[in-house]
């Protein structure tokens, strides 16, 4: 199941909030690492969505060109 940019971003926000509330340094550091990881995953998901949209648009354009040529 592919996760969305929004899903990962929500997890990053949750980790940032947990880091703010953390009283122990090691917990704060863990949550900050988690936030960084979630943000990286969010960026990957965003780039993947952009690539899929571009590929879909290219396929649509190709099908439309082929349909016009077939007429």
PDB file of N, CA and C in Angstrom:
ATOM      1  N   UNK A   1       0.842  -1.173   0.000  1.00  0.00           N
ATOM      2  CA  UNK A   1       0.000   0.000   0.000  1.00  0.00           C
ATOM      3  C   UNK A   1       0.892   1.242   0.000  1.00  0.00           C
ATOM      4  N   UNK A   2       0.764   2.030  -1.011  1.00  0.00           N
ATOM      5  CA  UNK A   2       1.558   3.243  -1.119  1.00  0.00           C
ATOM      6  C   UNK A   2       0.997   4.319  -0.197  1.00  0.00           C
ATOM      7  N   UNK A   3       1.880   4.955   0.520  1.00  0.00           N
ATOM      8  CA  UNK A   3       1.459   6.025   1.408  1.00  0.00           C
ATOM      9  C   UNK A   3       1.569   7.356   0.668  1.00  0.00           C
ATOM     10  N   UNK A   4       0.830   8.322   1.137  1.00  0.00           N
ATOM     11  CA  UNK A   4       0.806   9.619   0.480  1.00  0.00           C
ATOM     12  C   UNK A   4       1.722  10.611   1.175  1.00  0.00           C
ATOM     13  N   UNK A   5       2.016  11.677   0.468  1.00  0.00           N
ATOM     14  CA  UNK A   5       2.806  12.777   1.005  1.00  0.00           C
ATOM     15  C   UNK A   5       2.183  13.275   2.303  1.00  0.00           C
ATOM     16  N   UNK A   6       0.873  13.426   2.299  1.00  0.00           N
ATOM     17  CA  UNK A   6       0.167  13.942   3.474  1.00  0.00           C
ATOM     18  C   UNK A   6       0.336  13.017   4.679  1.00  0.00           C
ATOM     19  N   UNK A   7       0.272  11.711   4.448  1.00  0.00           N
ATOM     20  CA  UNK A   7       0.453  10.742   5.526  1.00  0.00           C
ATOM     21  C   UNK A   7       1.818  10.926   6.180  1.00  0.00           C
ATOM     22  N   UNK A   8       2.863  10.956   5.357  1.00  0.00           N
ATOM     23  CA  UNK A   8       4.211  11.095   5.884  1.00  0.00           C
ATOM     24  C   UNK A   8       4.394  12.447   6.580  1.00  0.00           C
ATOM     25  N   UNK A   9       3.820  13.479   6.012  1.00  0.00           N
ATOM     26  CA  UNK A   9       3.946  14.803   6.619  1.00  0.00           C
ATOM     27  C   UNK A   9       3.262  14.844   7.987  1.00  0.00           C
ATOM     28  N   UNK A  10       2.124  14.201   8.104  1.00  0.00           N
ATOM     29  CA  UNK A  10       1.434  14.131   9.404  1.00  0.00           C
ATOM     30  C   UNK A  10       2.303  13.423  10.439  1.00  0.00           C
ATOM     31  N   UNK A  11       2.960  12.325  10.032  1.00  0.00           N
ATOM     32  CA  UNK A  11       3.833  11.618  10.963  1.00  0.00           C
ATOM     33  C   UNK A  11       5.013  12.503  11.373  1.00  0.00           C
ATOM     34  N   UNK A  12       5.537  13.287  10.439  1.00  0.00           N
ATOM     35  CA  UNK A  12       6.646  14.190  10.749  1.00  0.00           C
ATOM     36  C   UNK A  12       6.222  15.241  11.768  1.00  0.00           C
ATOM     37  N   UNK A  13       5.028  15.772  11.590  1.00  0.00           N
ATOM     38  CA  UNK A  13       4.506  16.767  12.539  1.00  0.00           C
ATOM     39  C   UNK A  13       4.326  16.139  13.913  1.00  0.00           C
ATOM     40  N   UNK A  14       3.803  14.929  13.951  1.00  0.00           N
ATOM     41  CA  UNK A  14       3.632  14.229  15.226  1.00  0.00           C
ATOM     42  C   UNK A  14       4.981  14.018  15.922  1.00  0.00           C
ATOM     43  N   UNK A  15       5.987  13.643  15.150  1.00  0.00           N
ATOM     44  CA  UNK A  15       7.317  13.424  15.728  1.00  0.00           C
ATOM     45  C   UNK A  15       7.901  14.743  16.243  1.00  0.00           C
ATOM     46  N   UNK A  16       7.698  15.824  15.508  1.00  0.00           N
ATOM     47  CA  UNK A  16       8.198  17.133  15.945  1.00  0.00           C
ATOM     48  C   UNK A  16       7.534  17.561  17.243  1.00  0.00           C
ATOM     49  N   UNK A  17       6.238  17.343  17.336  1.00  0.00           N
ATOM     50  CA  UNK A  17       5.523  17.685  18.568  1.00  0.00           C
ATOM     51  C   UNK A  17       6.004  16.829  19.735  1.00  0.00           C
ATOM     52  N   UNK A  18       6.231  15.563  19.477  1.00  0.00           N
ATOM     53  CA  UNK A  18       6.735  14.672  20.525  1.00  0.00           C
ATOM     54  C   UNK A  18       8.124  15.116  20.979  1.00  0.00           C
ATOM     55  N   UNK A  19       8.940  15.589  20.032  1.00  0.00           N
ATOM     56  CA  UNK A  19      10.277  16.068  20.384  1.00  0.00           C
ATOM     57  C   UNK A  19      10.186  17.301  21.279  1.00  0.00           C
ATOM     58  N   UNK A  20       9.248  18.182  20.968  1.00  0.00           N
ATOM     59  CA  UNK A  20       9.062  19.391  21.779  1.00  0.00           C
ATOM     60  C   UNK A  20       8.655  19.046  23.212  1.00  0.00           C
ATOM     61  N   UNK A  21       7.849  18.013  23.350  1.00  0.00           N
ATOM     62  CA  UNK A  21       7.330  17.627  24.665  1.00  0.00           C
ATOM     63  C   UNK A  21       8.293  16.740  25.452  1.00  0.00           C
ATOM     64  N   UNK A  22       9.265  16.177  24.771  1.00  0.00           N
ATOM     65  CA  UNK A  22      10.170  15.221  25.415  1.00  0.00           C
ATOM     66  C   UNK A  22      10.990  15.901  26.507  1.00  0.00           C
ATOM     67  N   UNK A  23      11.101  15.217  27.608  1.00  0.00           N
ATOM     68  CA  UNK A  23      11.901  15.729  28.717  1.00  0.00           C
ATOM     69  C   UNK A  23      13.306  15.134  28.707  1.00  0.00           C
ATOM     70  N   UNK A  24      13.424  13.949  28.191  1.00  0.00           N
ATOM     71  CA  UNK A  24      14.728  13.280  28.142  1.00  0.00           C
ATOM     72  C   UNK A  24      15.414  13.584  26.812  1.00  0.00           C
ATOM     73  N   UNK A  25      16.712  13.848  26.886  1.00  0.00           N
ATOM     74  CA  UNK A  25      17.469  14.187  25.680  1.00  0.00           C
ATOM     75  C   UNK A  25      17.441  13.074  24.644  1.00  0.00           C
ATOM     76  N   UNK A  26      17.568  11.823  25.092  1.00  0.00           N
ATOM     77  CA  UNK A  26      17.596  10.728  24.123  1.00  0.00           C
ATOM     78  C   UNK A  26      16.242  10.559  23.423  1.00  0.00           C
ATOM     79  N   UNK A  27      15.161  10.832  24.139  1.00  0.00           N
ATOM     80  CA  UNK A  27      13.834  10.755  23.524  1.00  0.00           C
ATOM     81  C   UNK A  27      13.666  11.895  22.522  1.00  0.00           C
ATOM     82  N   UNK A  28      14.100  13.079  22.900  1.00  0.00           N
ATOM     83  CA  UNK A  28      14.028  14.234  21.995  1.00  0.00           C
ATOM     84  C   UNK A  28      14.813  13.952  20.711  1.00  0.00           C
ATOM     85  N   UNK A  29      16.041  13.424  20.856  1.00  0.00           N
ATOM     86  CA  UNK A  29      16.868  13.117  19.686  1.00  0.00           C
ATOM     87  C   UNK A  29      16.213  12.054  18.806  1.00  0.00           C
ATOM     88  N   UNK A  30      15.632  11.046  19.434  1.00  0.00           N
ATOM     89  CA  UNK A  30      14.958   9.983  18.674  1.00  0.00           C
ATOM     90  C   UNK A  30      13.800  10.566  17.871  1.00  0.00           C
ATOM     91  N   UNK A  31      13.017  11.426  18.486  1.00  0.00           N
ATOM     92  CA  UNK A  31      11.873  12.017  17.790  1.00  0.00           C
ATOM     93  C   UNK A  31      12.319  12.949  16.670  1.00  0.00           C
ATOM     94  N   UNK A  32      13.409  13.665  16.882  1.00  0.00           N
ATOM     95  CA  UNK A  32      13.926  14.530  15.820  1.00  0.00           C
ATOM     96  C   UNK A  32      14.446  13.707  14.645  1.00  0.00           C
ATOM     97  N   UNK A  33      15.080  12.573  14.933  1.00  0.00           N
ATOM     98  CA  UNK A  33      15.513  11.664  13.847  1.00  0.00           C
ATOM     99  C   UNK A  33      14.297  11.117  13.110  1.00  0.00           C
ATOM    100  N   UNK A  34      13.285  10.785  13.876  1.00  0.00           N
ATOM    101  CA  UNK A  34      12.052  10.276  13.280  1.00  0.00           C
ATOM    102  C   UNK A  34      11.422  11.335  12.370  1.00  0.00           C
ATOM    103  N   UNK A  35      11.380  12.555  12.850  1.00  0.00           N
ATOM    104  CA  UNK A  35      10.824  13.641  12.033  1.00  0.00           C
ATOM    105  C   UNK A  35      11.593  13.767  10.721  1.00  0.00           C
ATOM    106  N   UNK A  36      12.914  13.740  10.806  1.00  0.00           N
ATOM    107  CA  UNK A  36      13.747  13.854   9.607  1.00  0.00           C
ATOM    108  C   UNK A  36      13.452  12.719   8.630  1.00  0.00           C
ATOM    109  N   UNK A  37      13.313  11.515   9.154  1.00  0.00           N
ATOM    110  CA  UNK A  37      13.012  10.353   8.306  1.00  0.00           C
ATOM    111  C   UNK A  37      11.655  10.508   7.640  1.00  0.00           C
ATOM    112  N   UNK A  38      10.643  10.893   8.418  1.00  0.00           N
ATOM    113  CA  UNK A  38       9.297  11.083   7.852  1.00  0.00           C
ATOM    114  C   UNK A  38       9.307  12.165   6.775  1.00  0.00           C
ATOM    115  N   UNK A  39      10.053  13.235   7.008  1.00  0.00           N
ATOM    116  CA  UNK A  39      10.127  14.291   5.988  1.00  0.00           C
ATOM    117  C   UNK A  39      10.784  13.775   4.709  1.00  0.00           C
ATOM    118  N   UNK A  40      11.800  12.942   4.849  1.00  0.00           N
ATOM    119  CA  UNK A  40      12.433  12.339   3.676  1.00  0.00           C
ATOM    120  C   UNK A  40      11.473  11.449   2.910  1.00  0.00           C
ATOM    121  N   UNK A  41      10.706  10.668   3.640  1.00  0.00           N
ATOM    122  CA  UNK A  41       9.709   9.807   2.987  1.00  0.00           C
ATOM    123  C   UNK A  41       8.623  10.644   2.316  1.00  0.00           C
ATOM    124  N   UNK A  42       8.244  11.747   2.949  1.00  0.00           N
ATOM    125  CA  UNK A  42       7.236  12.643   2.350  1.00  0.00           C
ATOM    126  C   UNK A  42       7.750  13.191   1.027  1.00  0.00           C
ATOM    127  N   UNK A  43       9.005  13.593   1.006  1.00  0.00           N
ATOM    128  CA  UNK A  43       9.587  14.136  -0.223  1.00  0.00           C
ATOM    129  C   UNK A  43       9.647  13.078  -1.317  1.00  0.00           C
ATOM    130  N   UNK A  44      10.016  11.855  -0.951  1.00  0.00           N
ATOM    131  CA  UNK A  44      10.032  10.766  -1.936  1.00  0.00           C
ATOM    132  C   UNK A  44       8.633  10.521  -2.497  1.00  0.00           C
ATOM    133  N   UNK A  45       7.629  10.534  -1.625  1.00  0.00           N
ATOM    134  CA  UNK A  45       6.251  10.313  -2.066  1.00  0.00           C
ATOM    135  C   UNK A  45       5.801  11.435  -2.997  1.00  0.00           C
ATOM    136  N   UNK A  46       6.185  12.681  -2.667  1.00  0.00           N
ATOM    137  CA  UNK A  46       5.813  13.824  -3.506  1.00  0.00           C
ATOM    138  C   UNK A  46       6.441  13.698  -4.887  1.00  0.00           C
ATOM    139  N   UNK A  47       7.727  13.367  -4.926  1.00  0.00           N
ATOM    140  CA  UNK A  47       8.401  13.213  -6.215  1.00  0.00           C
ATOM    141  C   UNK A  47       7.807  12.064  -7.022  1.00  0.00           C
ATOM    142  N   UNK A  48       7.468  10.972  -6.344  1.00  0.00           N
ATOM    143  CA  UNK A  48       6.849   9.842  -7.036  1.00  0.00           C
ATOM    144  C   UNK A  48       5.507  10.210  -7.638  1.00  0.00           C
ATOM    145  N   UNK A  49       4.727  10.983  -6.898  1.00  0.00           N
ATOM    146  CA  UNK A  49       3.419  11.418  -7.408  1.00  0.00           C
ATOM    147  C   UNK A  49       3.592  12.314  -8.629  1.00  0.00           C
ATOM    148  N   UNK A  50       4.575  13.176  -8.599  1.00  0.00           N
ATOM    149  CA  UNK A  50       4.835  14.061  -9.742  1.00  0.00           C
ATOM    150  C   UNK A  50       5.248  13.237 -10.960  1.00  0.00           C
ATOM    151  N   UNK A  51       6.125  12.248 -10.740  1.00  0.00           N
ATOM    152  CA  UNK A  51       6.548  11.386 -11.858  1.00  0.00           C
ATOM    153  C   UNK A  51       5.367  10.622 -12.447  1.00  0.00           C
ATOM    154  N   UNK A  52       4.491  10.102 -11.571  1.00  0.00           N
ATOM    155  CA  UNK A  52       3.318   9.364 -12.062  1.00  0.00           C
ATOM    156  C   UNK A  52       2.393  10.277 -12.857  1.00  0.00           C
ATOM    157  N   UNK A  53       2.157  11.486 -12.369  1.00  0.00           N
ATOM    158  CA  UNK A  53       1.294  12.424 -13.088  1.00  0.00           C
ATOM    159  C   UNK A  53       1.872  12.764 -14.454  1.00  0.00           C
ATOM    160  N   UNK A  54       3.186  12.978 -14.509  1.00  0.00           N
ATOM    161  CA  UNK A  54       3.839  13.286 -15.782  1.00  0.00           C
ATOM    162  C   UNK A  54       3.722  12.108 -16.749  1.00  0.00           C
ATOM    163  N   UNK A  55       3.964  10.906 -16.254  1.00  0.00           N
ATOM    164  CA  UNK A  55       3.874   9.714 -17.103  1.00  0.00           C
ATOM    165  C   UNK A  55       2.442   9.510 -17.598  1.00  0.00           C
ATOM    166  N   UNK A  56       1.470   9.735 -16.716  1.00  0.00           N
ATOM    167  CA  UNK A  56       0.063   9.603 -17.122  1.00  0.00           C
ATOM    168  C   UNK A  56      -0.279  10.616 -18.216  1.00  0.00           C
ATOM    169  N   UNK A  57       0.190  11.839 -18.063  1.00  0.00           N
ATOM    170  CA  UNK A  57      -0.078  12.880 -19.060  1.00  0.00           C
ATOM    171  C   UNK A  57       0.568  12.527 -20.394  1.00  0.00           C
ATOM    172  N   UNK A  58       1.778  12.003 -20.347  1.00  0.00           N
ATOM    173  CA  UNK A  58       2.453  11.598 -21.583  1.00  0.00           C
ATOM    174  C   UNK A  58       1.716  10.460 -22.268  1.00  0.00           C
ATOM    175  N   UNK A  59       1.226   9.482 -21.485  1.00  0.00           N
ATOM    176  CA  UNK A  59       0.466   8.370 -22.074  1.00  0.00           C
ATOM    177  C   UNK A  59      -0.847   8.874 -22.693  1.00  0.00           C
ATOM    178  N   UNK A  60      -1.512   9.785 -21.984  1.00  0.00           N
ATOM    179  CA  UNK A  60      -2.760  10.339 -22.527  1.00  0.00           C
ATOM    180  C   UNK A  60      -2.501  11.059 -23.847  1.00  0.00           C
ATOM    181  N   UNK A  61      -1.451  11.875 -23.883  1.00  0.00           N
ATOM    182  CA  UNK A  61      -1.121  12.619 -25.097  1.00  0.00           C
ATOM    183  C   UNK A  61      -0.795  11.665 -26.239  1.00  0.00           C
ATOM    184  N   UNK A  62      -0.081  10.602 -25.940  1.00  0.00           N
ATOM    185  CA  UNK A  62       0.273   9.624 -26.972  1.00  0.00           C
ATOM    186  C   UNK A  62      -0.983   8.943 -27.518  1.00  0.00           C
ATOM    187  N   UNK A  63      -1.899   8.551 -26.604  1.00  0.00           N
ATOM    188  CA  UNK A  63      -3.149   7.915 -27.051  1.00  0.00           C
ATOM    189  C   UNK A  63      -3.975   8.872 -27.903  1.00  0.00           C
ATOM    190  N   UNK A  64      -4.035  10.132 -27.510  1.00  0.00           N
ATOM    191  CA  UNK A  64      -4.804  11.111 -28.274  1.00  0.00           C
ATOM    192  C   UNK A  64      -4.190  11.331 -29.653  1.00  0.00           C
ATOM    193  N   UNK A  65      -2.852  11.387 -29.722  1.00  0.00           N
ATOM    194  CA  UNK A  65      -2.167  11.553 -31.006  1.00  0.00           C
ATOM    195  C   UNK A  65      -2.421  10.338 -31.903  1.00  0.00           C
ATOM    196  N   UNK A  66      -2.375   9.167 -31.321  1.00  0.00           N
ATOM    197  CA  UNK A  66      -2.625   7.954 -32.102  1.00  0.00           C
ATOM    198  C   UNK A  66      -4.066   7.909 -32.607  1.00  0.00           C
ATOM    199  N   UNK A  67      -4.997   8.364 -31.761  1.00  0.00           N
ATOM    200  CA  UNK A  67      -6.412   8.390 -32.164  1.00  0.00           C
ATOM    201  C   UNK A  67      -6.620   9.376 -33.314  1.00  0.00           C
ATOM    202  N   UNK A  68      -5.974  10.530 -33.250  1.00  0.00           N
ATOM    203  CA  UNK A  68      -6.106  11.507 -34.330  1.00  0.00           C
ATOM    204  C   UNK A  68      -5.468  10.979 -35.615  1.00  0.00           C
ATOM    205  N   UNK A  69      -4.383  10.301 -35.510  1.00  0.00           N
ATOM    206  CA  UNK A  69      -3.683   9.769 -36.667  1.00  0.00           C
ATOM    207  C   UNK A  69      -4.491   8.635 -37.313  1.00  0.00           C
ATOM    208  N   UNK A  70      -5.222   7.884 -36.520  1.00  0.00           N
ATOM    209  CA  UNK A  70      -6.008   6.753 -37.012  1.00  0.00           C
ATOM    210  C   UNK A  70      -7.222   7.219 -37.810  1.00  0.00           C
ATOM    211  N   UNK A  71      -7.610   8.460 -37.626  1.00  0.00           N
ATOM    212  CA  UNK A  71      -8.826   8.945 -38.321  1.00  0.00           C
ATOM    213  C   UNK A  71      -8.573   9.269 -39.747  1.00  0.00           C
TER     214      UNK A  71
END
